[in-house]
Amino acid sequence: MRSFSWNCFAMTGNIDAYLLYKDTEALSEAPDQILQREKEEEVEA
């Protein structure tokens, strides 16, 4: 799914394809990585 959405974005520039790519990327992260990233974002804010 990631490669399809990336290829679709690369060929068309469709923002929805890019957002789908980013969503699938986020879902593939391990839960502890997600928590770490959220903590870092809270510190920066």
N, C-alpha and C. Protein backbone atom coordinates (compact mmCIF):
# COMPACT_ATOMS: atom_id res chain seq x y z
N MET A 1 0.83 -1.19 0.00
CA MET A 1 0.00 0.00 0.00
C MET A 1 0.87 1.26 0.00
N ARG A 2 1.96 1.22 0.76
CA ARG A 2 2.83 2.40 0.81
C ARG A 2 3.41 2.72 -0.55
N SER A 3 3.91 1.69 -1.23
CA SER A 3 4.54 1.95 -2.52
C SER A 3 3.52 2.44 -3.54
N PHE A 4 2.30 1.90 -3.49
CA PHE A 4 1.26 2.35 -4.40
C PHE A 4 0.93 3.82 -4.18
N SER A 5 0.71 4.19 -2.92
CA SER A 5 0.35 5.58 -2.64
C SER A 5 1.50 6.53 -2.97
N TRP A 6 2.75 6.10 -2.72
CA TRP A 6 3.88 6.95 -3.08
C TRP A 6 3.99 7.11 -4.58
N ASN A 7 3.87 6.01 -5.31
CA ASN A 7 3.96 6.08 -6.77
C ASN A 7 2.84 6.94 -7.35
N CYS A 8 1.66 6.82 -6.79
CA CYS A 8 0.53 7.63 -7.24
C CYS A 8 0.84 9.12 -7.00
N PHE A 9 1.36 9.44 -5.81
CA PHE A 9 1.72 10.82 -5.51
C PHE A 9 2.82 11.32 -6.44
N ALA A 10 3.84 10.49 -6.64
CA ALA A 10 4.97 10.90 -7.47
C ALA A 10 4.54 11.17 -8.91
N MET A 11 3.60 10.40 -9.41
CA MET A 11 3.18 10.57 -10.80
C MET A 11 2.15 11.69 -10.98
N THR A 12 1.32 11.92 -9.95
CA THR A 12 0.22 12.87 -10.12
C THR A 12 0.34 14.13 -9.28
N GLY A 13 1.10 14.05 -8.19
CA GLY A 13 1.17 15.17 -7.26
C GLY A 13 -0.08 15.31 -6.41
N ASN A 14 -0.90 14.28 -6.39
CA ASN A 14 -2.15 14.28 -5.64
C ASN A 14 -1.86 14.28 -4.14
N ILE A 15 -2.32 15.32 -3.44
CA ILE A 15 -2.05 15.45 -2.02
C ILE A 15 -2.71 14.33 -1.20
N ASP A 16 -3.85 13.84 -1.64
CA ASP A 16 -4.51 12.74 -0.93
C ASP A 16 -3.66 11.47 -0.97
N ALA A 17 -2.98 11.24 -2.07
CA ALA A 17 -2.08 10.08 -2.16
C ALA A 17 -0.92 10.24 -1.18
N TYR A 18 -0.41 11.46 -1.07
CA TYR A 18 0.68 11.71 -0.12
C TYR A 18 0.20 11.52 1.32
N LEU A 19 -0.97 12.02 1.63
CA LEU A 19 -1.50 11.86 2.98
C LEU A 19 -1.75 10.39 3.31
N LEU A 20 -2.21 9.63 2.34
CA LEU A 20 -2.38 8.19 2.53
C LEU A 20 -1.02 7.54 2.79
N TYR A 21 0.00 7.95 2.05
CA TYR A 21 1.35 7.43 2.25
C TYR A 21 1.82 7.72 3.68
N LYS A 22 1.63 8.94 4.14
CA LYS A 22 2.06 9.31 5.49
C LYS A 22 1.28 8.55 6.55
N ASP A 23 -0.01 8.33 6.32
CA ASP A 23 -0.82 7.56 7.27
C ASP A 23 -0.34 6.12 7.37
N THR A 24 -0.05 5.50 6.24
CA THR A 24 0.43 4.12 6.28
C THR A 24 1.81 4.05 6.91
N GLU A 25 2.62 5.08 6.71
CA GLU A 25 3.93 5.14 7.34
C GLU A 25 3.78 5.22 8.86
N ALA A 26 2.87 6.06 9.30
CA ALA A 26 2.64 6.22 10.74
C ALA A 26 2.11 4.93 11.37
N LEU A 27 1.25 4.24 10.65
CA LEU A 27 0.69 2.99 11.18
C LEU A 27 1.73 1.88 11.26
N SER A 28 2.76 1.97 10.45
CA SER A 28 3.78 0.92 10.45
C SER A 28 4.81 1.13 11.56
N GLU A 29 4.81 2.30 12.18
CA GLU A 29 5.74 2.56 13.28
C GLU A 29 5.36 1.72 14.49
N ALA A 30 6.35 1.37 15.25
CA ALA A 30 6.10 0.65 16.50
C ALA A 30 5.45 1.61 17.49
N PRO A 31 4.57 1.11 18.34
CA PRO A 31 3.86 1.99 19.30
C PRO A 31 4.80 2.81 20.18
N ASP A 32 5.94 2.27 20.57
CA ASP A 32 6.85 3.04 21.41
C ASP A 32 7.47 4.19 20.65
N GLN A 33 7.66 4.04 19.35
CA GLN A 33 8.17 5.15 18.54
C GLN A 33 7.14 6.26 18.44
N ILE A 34 5.88 5.89 18.34
CA ILE A 34 4.81 6.89 18.27
C ILE A 34 4.76 7.69 19.57
N LEU A 35 4.83 6.98 20.69
CA LEU A 35 4.81 7.67 21.99
C LEU A 35 6.01 8.59 22.14
N GLN A 36 7.18 8.14 21.72
CA GLN A 36 8.38 8.97 21.81
C GLN A 36 8.23 10.23 20.97
N ARG A 37 7.71 10.10 19.77
CA ARG A 37 7.53 11.26 18.88
C ARG A 37 6.52 12.23 19.50
N GLU A 38 5.44 11.71 20.06
CA GLU A 38 4.44 12.58 20.68
C GLU A 38 5.02 13.33 21.86
N LYS A 39 5.85 12.66 22.66
CA LYS A 39 6.49 13.33 23.79
C LYS A 39 7.42 14.44 23.31
N GLU A 40 8.16 14.19 22.25
CA GLU A 40 9.06 15.21 21.70
C GLU A 40 8.27 16.40 21.17
N GLU A 41 7.12 16.15 20.57
CA GLU A 41 6.30 17.24 20.05
C GLU A 41 5.72 18.07 21.19
N GLU A 42 5.38 17.42 22.31
CA GLU A 42 4.86 18.15 23.47
C GLU A 42 5.93 19.06 24.05
N VAL A 43 7.16 18.58 24.10
CA VAL A 43 8.26 19.37 24.65
C VAL A 43 8.52 20.58 23.77
N GLU A 44 8.44 20.41 22.44
CA GLU A 44 8.69 21.50 21.52
C GLU A 44 7.60 22.56 21.57
N ALA A 45 6.38 22.17 21.92
CA ALA A 45 5.25 23.10 21.91
C ALA A 45 5.21 23.99 23.12
